[in-house]
Every structure is written in C-alpha cells, then in structure tokens.
C-alpha cells in the first residue's frame, strides 16, 4: 500500500509539475504577444506622426506659406492661375502632375492648393504615390485664401 501511495504522490507531483510548465509557457506566450503588440502600436504611431497631415485648413496653409522651405503647388489650370494666384507658388495643372513630379522638390514640405480644395487632394495623392511623404492638401483652396484676405496676384 505504501508503494501505491508513493506512486500516487509522485504522479500527483508530476501532474502539478506539468501544469506549472504549461502555465509558464502560457505566460511566456502572453508576454511575447504583449511585446509584439506594443511594437506594432508604437511603430504605427510613429508612422502616423511622420510627414504632414493629409489636409490642413486654409489658415494653417497660410502659416506654412510664410515659412522658409515650404513649396506651395497650385494644381489649377493655366486660365485659373491667370485670373489670380497666390504669389511665390508653382503652377503644375493636375492633369500634368504625374508626368512632372520631378519638378517638385522631395526635400521640402509641400502644400497642394487648387480652387476650392478638391483637386488638391488628388494632387497630394499623386505626389504620395510618387514617393513624397511631406505633402498635404489645403482645404478651401485659393477661393478661401482670397476671402480671408491673404495675398493674391492680381
């Protein structure tokens, strides 16, 4: 009977030992998963902070316009530009932009503008697809710009 009790005790200890190992493995798996999820979270947070926001307000566009090293790209048509435009900006009509991306500096922050803010989103997307990361689109376009009293020619 003592042998049977001893075997039962050993078997019980073995089962407890196996349960502890399973628990340890489970905790290690959870720890690894938590570390991986943390790495993914911080990586995506860092990427979302890289570059400029997708769109900015007209007021923010004017702030950026006044800074050195900011490239403002107007994607309207030539006749719209001739009517009036923002001084010290570059005109590349939206339909020509994909073929002329080499005229846009890669090392500058870029604000894409148009008449009302619709085509500038498309222009921003063309530049992003071409590898530009510091590019944004200005809401409201040159119509909002002018209505706020910001400089235009003529």
N, C-alpha and C. Protein backbone atom coordinates (compact mmCIF):
# COMPACT_ATOMS: atom_id res chain seq x y z
N UNK A 1 0.82 -1.19 0.00
CA UNK A 1 0.00 0.00 0.00
C UNK A 1 0.86 1.25 0.00
N UNK A 2 2.00 1.20 0.65
CA UNK A 2 2.91 2.34 0.71
C UNK A 2 3.44 2.67 -0.67
N UNK A 3 3.73 1.60 -1.47
CA UNK A 3 4.21 1.83 -2.82
C UNK A 3 3.14 2.54 -3.66
N UNK A 4 1.90 2.11 -3.51
CA UNK A 4 0.81 2.72 -4.26
C UNK A 4 0.63 4.19 -3.84
N UNK A 5 0.72 4.49 -2.59
CA UNK A 5 0.59 5.86 -2.09
C UNK A 5 1.75 6.70 -2.61
N UNK A 6 2.95 6.10 -2.61
CA UNK A 6 4.12 6.82 -3.09
C UNK A 6 3.97 7.12 -4.59
N UNK A 7 3.49 6.11 -5.39
CA UNK A 7 3.27 6.31 -6.82
C UNK A 7 2.22 7.38 -7.06
N UNK A 8 1.17 7.36 -6.28
CA UNK A 8 0.11 8.37 -6.41
C UNK A 8 0.67 9.75 -6.09
N UNK A 9 1.50 9.83 -5.06
CA UNK A 9 2.10 11.10 -4.68
C UNK A 9 3.04 11.58 -5.78
N UNK A 10 3.86 10.67 -6.34
CA UNK A 10 4.78 11.03 -7.42
C UNK A 10 3.99 11.45 -8.65
N UNK A 11 2.96 10.68 -9.00
CA UNK A 11 2.12 11.01 -10.16
C UNK A 11 1.45 12.36 -9.95
N UNK A 12 0.97 12.63 -8.77
CA UNK A 12 0.35 13.92 -8.45
C UNK A 12 1.34 15.06 -8.57
N UNK A 13 2.58 14.85 -8.09
CA UNK A 13 3.63 15.88 -8.20
C UNK A 13 4.00 16.09 -9.67
N UNK A 14 4.04 15.01 -10.43
CA UNK A 14 4.36 15.10 -11.85
C UNK A 14 3.29 15.91 -12.59
N UNK A 15 2.04 15.66 -12.25
CA UNK A 15 0.95 16.42 -12.87
C UNK A 15 1.03 17.89 -12.49
N UNK A 16 1.34 18.17 -11.25
CA UNK A 16 1.48 19.55 -10.80
C UNK A 16 2.64 20.22 -11.53
N UNK A 17 3.75 19.48 -11.68
CA UNK A 17 4.91 19.99 -12.38
C UNK A 17 4.57 20.30 -13.84
N UNK A 18 3.82 19.41 -14.47
CA UNK A 18 3.41 19.62 -15.86
C UNK A 18 2.48 20.82 -15.97
N UNK A 19 1.58 20.98 -15.03
CA UNK A 19 0.67 22.14 -15.03
C UNK A 19 1.45 23.44 -14.86
N UNK A 20 2.48 23.42 -13.99
CA UNK A 20 3.32 24.61 -13.80
C UNK A 20 4.04 24.96 -15.10
N UNK A 21 4.57 23.94 -15.79
CA UNK A 21 5.26 24.18 -17.05
C UNK A 21 4.30 24.77 -18.08
N UNK A 22 3.08 24.22 -18.15
CA UNK A 22 2.08 24.76 -19.08
C UNK A 22 1.77 26.21 -18.76
N UNK A 23 1.64 26.51 -17.47
CA UNK A 23 1.36 27.87 -17.04
C UNK A 23 2.52 28.80 -17.40
N UNK A 24 3.75 28.34 -17.19
CA UNK A 24 4.92 29.14 -17.54
C UNK A 24 4.97 29.39 -19.04
N UNK A 25 4.72 28.36 -19.83
CA UNK A 25 4.71 28.53 -21.29
C UNK A 25 3.62 29.50 -21.71
N UNK A 26 2.45 29.38 -21.11
CA UNK A 26 1.35 30.30 -21.41
C UNK A 26 1.71 31.74 -21.07
N UNK A 27 2.36 31.93 -19.93
CA UNK A 27 2.78 33.29 -19.54
C UNK A 27 3.83 33.83 -20.49
N UNK A 28 4.76 32.99 -20.93
CA UNK A 28 5.77 33.42 -21.90
C UNK A 28 5.12 33.82 -23.22
N UNK A 29 4.15 33.02 -23.68
CA UNK A 29 3.44 33.33 -24.92
C UNK A 29 2.70 34.67 -24.78
N UNK A 30 2.04 34.89 -23.66
CA UNK A 30 1.34 36.16 -23.43
C UNK A 30 2.32 37.33 -23.40
N UNK A 31 3.46 37.15 -22.76
CA UNK A 31 4.47 38.20 -22.70
C UNK A 31 4.99 38.54 -24.09
N UNK A 32 5.30 37.52 -24.88
CA UNK A 32 5.77 37.75 -26.25
C UNK A 32 4.70 38.46 -27.07
N UNK A 33 3.45 38.05 -26.94
CA UNK A 33 2.35 38.69 -27.67
C UNK A 33 2.20 40.15 -27.25
N UNK A 34 2.33 40.43 -25.97
CA UNK A 34 2.22 41.81 -25.50
C UNK A 34 3.36 42.66 -26.05
N UNK A 35 4.56 42.11 -26.08
CA UNK A 35 5.70 42.86 -26.63
C UNK A 35 5.49 43.13 -28.11
N UNK A 36 5.04 42.13 -28.86
CA UNK A 36 4.79 42.32 -30.29
C UNK A 36 3.69 43.34 -30.55
N UNK A 37 2.61 43.26 -29.79
CA UNK A 37 1.52 44.24 -29.96
C UNK A 37 2.00 45.65 -29.62
N UNK A 38 2.81 45.77 -28.58
CA UNK A 38 3.38 47.08 -28.23
C UNK A 38 4.26 47.62 -29.34
N UNK A 39 5.08 46.76 -29.91
CA UNK A 39 5.96 47.18 -31.01
C UNK A 39 5.14 47.64 -32.22
N UNK A 40 4.09 46.89 -32.53
CA UNK A 40 3.22 47.26 -33.65
C UNK A 40 2.54 48.60 -33.37
N UNK A 41 2.04 48.78 -32.17
CA UNK A 41 1.36 50.02 -31.81
C UNK A 41 2.29 51.21 -31.93
N UNK A 42 3.49 51.10 -31.35
CA UNK A 42 4.42 52.23 -31.38
C UNK A 42 4.95 52.49 -32.78
N UNK A 43 5.09 51.46 -33.58
CA UNK A 43 5.53 51.62 -34.96
C UNK A 43 4.47 52.36 -35.77
N UNK A 44 3.20 51.98 -35.62
CA UNK A 44 2.15 52.67 -36.37
C UNK A 44 1.95 54.09 -35.87
N UNK A 45 2.14 54.32 -34.57
CA UNK A 45 2.03 55.68 -34.04
C UNK A 45 3.14 56.56 -34.60
N UNK A 46 4.33 56.02 -34.72
CA UNK A 46 5.46 56.78 -35.26
C UNK A 46 5.22 57.08 -36.73
N UNK A 47 4.66 56.13 -37.49
CA UNK A 47 4.39 56.37 -38.89
C UNK A 47 3.30 57.42 -39.08
N UNK A 48 2.29 57.42 -38.22
CA UNK A 48 1.22 58.40 -38.38
C UNK A 48 1.69 59.80 -38.05
N UNK A 49 2.75 59.93 -37.27
CA UNK A 49 3.30 61.25 -36.95
C UNK A 49 4.31 61.70 -37.98
N UNK A 50 4.73 60.81 -38.87
CA UNK A 50 5.70 61.18 -39.88
C UNK A 50 5.01 62.01 -40.95
N UNK A 51 5.71 62.99 -41.49
CA UNK A 51 5.15 63.80 -42.55
C UNK A 51 4.07 64.74 -42.05
N UNK A 52 3.27 65.22 -42.97
CA UNK A 52 2.22 66.18 -42.68
C UNK A 52 0.86 65.49 -42.65
N UNK A 53 -0.14 66.14 -42.03
CA UNK A 53 -1.48 65.57 -42.09
C UNK A 53 -1.98 65.57 -43.54
N UNK A 54 -2.96 64.75 -43.83
CA UNK A 54 -3.49 64.65 -45.20
C UNK A 54 -4.03 65.99 -45.69
N UNK A 55 -4.77 66.69 -44.84
CA UNK A 55 -5.30 68.00 -45.21
C UNK A 55 -5.06 68.99 -44.08
N UNK A 56 -4.98 70.24 -44.47
CA UNK A 56 -4.83 71.32 -43.49
C UNK A 56 -5.84 72.41 -43.82
N UNK A 57 -6.10 73.25 -42.84
CA UNK A 57 -7.01 74.38 -43.04
C UNK A 57 -6.32 75.46 -43.87
N UNK A 58 -7.11 76.38 -44.38
CA UNK A 58 -6.55 77.50 -45.12
C UNK A 58 -5.63 78.33 -44.22
N UNK A 59 -6.03 78.49 -42.97
CA UNK A 59 -5.20 79.26 -42.03
C UNK A 59 -3.85 78.58 -41.80
N UNK A 60 -3.86 77.26 -41.64
CA UNK A 60 -2.60 76.52 -41.47
C UNK A 60 -1.78 76.60 -42.76
N UNK A 61 -2.46 76.56 -43.91
CA UNK A 61 -1.77 76.70 -45.19
C UNK A 61 -1.06 78.04 -45.29
N UNK A 62 -1.71 79.09 -44.82
CA UNK A 62 -1.08 80.42 -44.83
C UNK A 62 0.12 80.47 -43.89
N UNK A 63 -0.01 79.85 -42.73
CA UNK A 63 1.11 79.76 -41.78
C UNK A 63 2.31 79.10 -42.44
N UNK A 64 2.05 77.98 -43.09
CA UNK A 64 3.14 77.24 -43.74
C UNK A 64 3.72 78.04 -44.91
N UNK A 65 2.86 78.71 -45.66
CA UNK A 65 3.27 79.53 -46.81
C UNK A 65 4.31 80.57 -46.39
N UNK A 66 4.17 81.08 -45.18
CA UNK A 66 5.07 82.11 -44.69
C UNK A 66 6.42 81.56 -44.21
N UNK A 67 6.56 80.25 -44.11
CA UNK A 67 7.80 79.64 -43.64
C UNK A 67 8.76 79.40 -44.79
N UNK A 68 10.04 79.50 -44.50
CA UNK A 68 11.07 79.18 -45.49
C UNK A 68 11.06 77.68 -45.75
N UNK A 69 11.32 77.30 -46.98
CA UNK A 69 11.45 75.90 -47.32
C UNK A 69 10.16 75.17 -47.59
N UNK A 70 9.04 75.88 -47.58
CA UNK A 70 7.75 75.25 -47.89
C UNK A 70 7.43 75.52 -49.36
N UNK A 71 7.11 74.48 -50.08
CA UNK A 71 6.80 74.56 -51.51
C UNK A 71 5.29 74.50 -51.68
N UNK A 72 4.71 75.56 -52.24
CA UNK A 72 3.26 75.58 -52.46
C UNK A 72 3.00 75.32 -53.93
N UNK A 73 2.25 74.25 -54.17
CA UNK A 73 1.97 73.80 -55.53
C UNK A 73 0.50 74.02 -55.86
N UNK A 74 0.25 74.80 -56.91
CA UNK A 74 -1.10 75.07 -57.38
C UNK A 74 -1.39 74.11 -58.53
N UNK A 75 -2.46 73.32 -58.40
CA UNK A 75 -2.78 72.33 -59.43
C UNK A 75 -3.97 72.74 -60.31
N UNK A 76 -4.30 74.03 -60.30
CA UNK A 76 -5.39 74.50 -61.15
C UNK A 76 -4.92 74.59 -62.60
N UNK A 77 -5.80 74.97 -63.47
CA UNK A 77 -5.48 75.16 -64.88
C UNK A 77 -4.86 76.54 -65.10
N UNK A 78 -4.16 76.71 -66.22
CA UNK A 78 -3.47 77.96 -66.53
C UNK A 78 -4.43 79.16 -66.52
N UNK A 79 -5.64 79.01 -67.11
CA UNK A 79 -6.57 80.13 -67.16
C UNK A 79 -7.02 80.56 -65.75
N UNK A 80 -7.12 79.60 -64.82
CA UNK A 80 -7.48 79.94 -63.43
C UNK A 80 -6.33 80.69 -62.77
N UNK A 81 -5.13 80.23 -63.01
CA UNK A 81 -3.93 80.85 -62.48
C UNK A 81 -3.82 82.30 -62.99
N UNK A 82 -4.10 82.49 -64.30
CA UNK A 82 -4.01 83.82 -64.90
C UNK A 82 -5.02 84.78 -64.28
N UNK A 83 -6.17 84.27 -63.88
CA UNK A 83 -7.20 85.10 -63.25
C UNK A 83 -6.69 85.66 -61.93
N UNK A 84 -6.15 84.81 -61.08
CA UNK A 84 -5.46 85.21 -59.85
C UNK A 84 -4.79 83.99 -59.26
N UNK A 85 -3.71 84.24 -58.53
CA UNK A 85 -2.99 83.13 -57.87
C UNK A 85 -2.25 83.65 -56.65
N UNK A 86 -1.77 82.72 -55.87
CA UNK A 86 -1.00 83.03 -54.67
C UNK A 86 0.43 83.33 -55.11
N UNK A 87 1.00 84.46 -54.65
CA UNK A 87 2.38 84.78 -55.03
C UNK A 87 3.36 83.70 -54.57
N UNK A 88 4.45 83.57 -55.32
CA UNK A 88 5.54 82.65 -54.97
C UNK A 88 5.09 81.20 -54.86
N UNK A 89 4.16 80.80 -55.71
CA UNK A 89 3.74 79.41 -55.79
C UNK A 89 4.08 78.89 -57.18
N UNK A 90 3.99 77.59 -57.35
CA UNK A 90 4.30 76.95 -58.62
C UNK A 90 3.04 76.33 -59.19
N UNK A 91 2.81 76.58 -60.48
CA UNK A 91 1.65 76.01 -61.17
C UNK A 91 2.07 74.76 -61.93
N UNK A 92 1.45 73.65 -61.60
CA UNK A 92 1.52 72.43 -62.42
C UNK A 92 0.09 71.89 -62.43
N UNK A 93 -0.62 72.07 -63.53
CA UNK A 93 -2.00 71.60 -63.59
C UNK A 93 -2.12 70.12 -63.23
N UNK A 94 -3.19 69.77 -62.56
CA UNK A 94 -3.40 68.41 -62.07
C UNK A 94 -3.20 67.36 -63.16
N UNK A 95 -3.70 67.61 -64.35
CA UNK A 95 -3.58 66.65 -65.44
C UNK A 95 -2.15 66.42 -65.89
N UNK A 96 -1.23 67.32 -65.55
CA UNK A 96 0.18 67.20 -65.94
C UNK A 96 1.07 66.74 -64.78
N UNK A 97 0.52 66.71 -63.59
CA UNK A 97 1.35 66.49 -62.40
C UNK A 97 2.10 65.17 -62.40
N UNK A 98 1.45 64.09 -62.75
CA UNK A 98 2.11 62.78 -62.71
C UNK A 98 3.35 62.76 -63.61
N UNK A 99 3.28 63.43 -64.74
CA UNK A 99 4.42 63.47 -65.66
C UNK A 99 5.47 64.50 -65.25
N UNK A 100 5.12 65.39 -64.33
CA UNK A 100 6.05 66.48 -63.96
C UNK A 100 6.47 66.45 -62.49
N UNK A 101 6.30 65.31 -61.82
CA UNK A 101 6.64 65.25 -60.39
C UNK A 101 8.11 65.57 -60.13
N UNK A 102 8.96 65.39 -61.14
CA UNK A 102 10.38 65.72 -60.96
C UNK A 102 10.62 67.21 -60.77
N UNK A 103 9.63 68.04 -61.04
CA UNK A 103 9.75 69.49 -60.83
C UNK A 103 9.42 69.89 -59.39
N UNK A 104 8.98 68.93 -58.58
CA UNK A 104 8.59 69.20 -57.20
C UNK A 104 9.74 68.72 -56.29
N UNK A 105 10.21 69.59 -55.39
CA UNK A 105 11.33 69.20 -54.53
C UNK A 105 10.94 68.13 -53.51
N UNK A 106 11.74 67.08 -53.44
CA UNK A 106 11.46 65.98 -52.49
C UNK A 106 11.82 66.36 -51.07
N UNK A 107 12.72 67.32 -50.89
CA UNK A 107 13.22 67.65 -49.55
C UNK A 107 12.46 68.78 -48.87
N UNK A 108 11.37 69.23 -49.47
CA UNK A 108 10.59 70.34 -48.89
C UNK A 108 9.24 69.84 -48.38
N UNK A 109 8.66 70.62 -47.47
CA UNK A 109 7.26 70.39 -47.13
C UNK A 109 6.45 70.96 -48.27
N UNK A 110 5.42 70.24 -48.70
CA UNK A 110 4.65 70.64 -49.87
C UNK A 110 3.19 70.83 -49.48
N UNK A 111 2.65 71.98 -49.85
CA UNK A 111 1.23 72.27 -49.66
C UNK A 111 0.62 72.35 -51.05
N UNK A 112 -0.33 71.47 -51.34
CA UNK A 112 -1.00 71.45 -52.63
C UNK A 112 -2.30 72.24 -52.50
N UNK A 113 -2.49 73.19 -53.45
CA UNK A 113 -3.69 74.02 -53.43
C UNK A 113 -4.37 73.96 -54.79
N UNK A 114 -5.66 74.29 -54.78
CA UNK A 114 -6.43 74.38 -56.03
C UNK A 114 -7.47 75.48 -55.84
N UNK A 115 -8.55 75.42 -56.56
CA UNK A 115 -9.57 76.46 -56.47
C UNK A 115 -10.40 76.37 -55.20
N UNK A 116 -10.87 75.14 -54.88
CA UNK A 116 -11.76 75.01 -53.72
C UNK A 116 -11.35 73.91 -52.75
N UNK A 117 -10.33 73.14 -53.08
CA UNK A 117 -9.86 72.10 -52.17
C UNK A 117 -10.09 70.68 -52.65
N UNK A 118 -10.71 70.49 -53.80
CA UNK A 118 -10.97 69.12 -54.28
C UNK A 118 -9.79 68.55 -55.07
N UNK A 119 -9.34 69.30 -56.07
CA UNK A 119 -8.23 68.81 -56.90
C UNK A 119 -6.93 68.71 -56.10
N UNK A 120 -6.80 69.52 -55.07
CA UNK A 120 -5.57 69.47 -54.28
C UNK A 120 -5.43 68.11 -53.58
N UNK A 121 -6.54 67.50 -53.18
CA UNK A 121 -6.48 66.15 -52.59
C UNK A 121 -5.93 65.15 -53.61
N UNK A 122 -6.38 65.27 -54.85
CA UNK A 122 -5.88 64.38 -55.90
C UNK A 122 -4.40 64.63 -56.17
N UNK A 123 -4.02 65.90 -56.18
CA UNK A 123 -2.60 66.24 -56.38
C UNK A 123 -1.73 65.70 -55.27
N UNK A 124 -2.20 65.82 -54.03
CA UNK A 124 -1.48 65.26 -52.89
C UNK A 124 -1.29 63.76 -53.06
N UNK A 125 -2.35 63.08 -53.48
CA UNK A 125 -2.29 61.63 -53.64
C UNK A 125 -1.33 61.22 -54.76
N UNK A 126 -1.29 61.98 -55.83
CA UNK A 126 -0.33 61.71 -56.92
C UNK A 126 1.09 61.82 -56.38
N UNK A 127 1.36 62.86 -55.61
CA UNK A 127 2.70 63.04 -55.05
C UNK A 127 3.04 61.93 -54.05
N UNK A 128 2.09 61.55 -53.23
CA UNK A 128 2.34 60.46 -52.28
C UNK A 128 2.67 59.16 -53.02
N UNK A 129 1.93 58.89 -54.08
CA UNK A 129 2.19 57.68 -54.87
C UNK A 129 3.56 57.74 -55.53
N UNK A 130 4.06 58.96 -55.77
CA UNK A 130 5.38 59.13 -56.38
C UNK A 130 6.50 59.13 -55.34
N UNK A 131 6.14 58.90 -54.07
CA UNK A 131 7.16 58.76 -53.03
C UNK A 131 7.35 59.97 -52.14
N UNK A 132 6.54 61.00 -52.29
CA UNK A 132 6.63 62.18 -51.43
C UNK A 132 5.92 61.87 -50.11
N UNK A 133 6.55 62.24 -48.99
CA UNK A 133 5.90 61.98 -47.70
C UNK A 133 5.48 63.27 -47.00
N UNK A 134 6.19 64.35 -47.23
CA UNK A 134 5.88 65.63 -46.58
C UNK A 134 4.97 66.47 -47.46
N UNK A 135 3.80 65.95 -47.74
CA UNK A 135 2.86 66.64 -48.62
C UNK A 135 1.48 66.66 -47.98
N UNK A 136 0.80 67.78 -48.15
CA UNK A 136 -0.55 67.94 -47.61
C UNK A 136 -1.40 68.71 -48.61
N UNK A 137 -2.69 68.66 -48.41
CA UNK A 137 -3.65 69.36 -49.26
C UNK A 137 -4.34 70.43 -48.41
N UNK A 138 -4.54 71.61 -49.00
CA UNK A 138 -5.17 72.70 -48.25
C UNK A 138 -6.67 72.75 -48.55
N UNK A 139 -7.47 72.64 -47.51
CA UNK A 139 -8.92 72.77 -47.65
C UNK A 139 -9.28 74.20 -48.06
N UNK A 140 -10.36 74.33 -48.81
CA UNK A 140 -10.87 75.66 -49.15
C UNK A 140 -10.28 76.27 -50.40
N UNK A 141 -9.05 75.89 -50.73
CA UNK A 141 -8.40 76.38 -51.94
C UNK A 141 -8.15 77.88 -51.95
N UNK A 142 -7.81 78.38 -53.16
CA UNK A 142 -7.47 79.80 -53.27
C UNK A 142 -8.70 80.70 -53.10
N UNK A 143 -9.89 80.14 -53.26
CA UNK A 143 -11.09 80.94 -53.01
C UNK A 143 -11.17 81.31 -51.53
N UNK A 144 -10.97 80.33 -50.66
CA UNK A 144 -10.98 80.60 -49.22
C UNK A 144 -9.79 81.48 -48.85
N UNK A 145 -8.65 81.23 -49.47
CA UNK A 145 -7.43 82.02 -49.24
C UNK A 145 -7.72 83.50 -49.49
N UNK A 146 -8.30 83.77 -50.64
CA UNK A 146 -8.58 85.16 -51.02
C UNK A 146 -9.66 85.77 -50.13
N UNK A 147 -10.67 84.99 -49.77
CA UNK A 147 -11.73 85.53 -48.93
C UNK A 147 -11.23 85.87 -47.52
N UNK A 148 -10.13 85.23 -47.10
CA UNK A 148 -9.54 85.54 -45.80
C UNK A 148 -8.58 86.72 -45.86
N UNK A 149 -8.40 87.27 -47.07
CA UNK A 149 -7.55 88.45 -47.23
C UNK A 149 -6.07 88.14 -47.38
N UNK A 150 -5.73 86.88 -47.62
CA UNK A 150 -4.33 86.52 -47.82
C UNK A 150 -3.91 86.99 -49.23
N UNK A 151 -2.61 87.19 -49.44
CA UNK A 151 -2.16 87.80 -50.69
C UNK A 151 -2.43 86.95 -51.94
N UNK A 152 -2.85 87.65 -52.99
CA UNK A 152 -3.03 87.03 -54.31
C UNK A 152 -2.55 88.02 -55.37
N UNK A 153 -2.27 87.48 -56.55
CA UNK A 153 -1.91 88.31 -57.71
C UNK A 153 -2.94 88.00 -58.77
N UNK A 154 -3.52 88.89 -59.48
CA UNK A 154 -3.57 90.34 -59.27
C UNK A 154 -4.52 90.69 -58.17
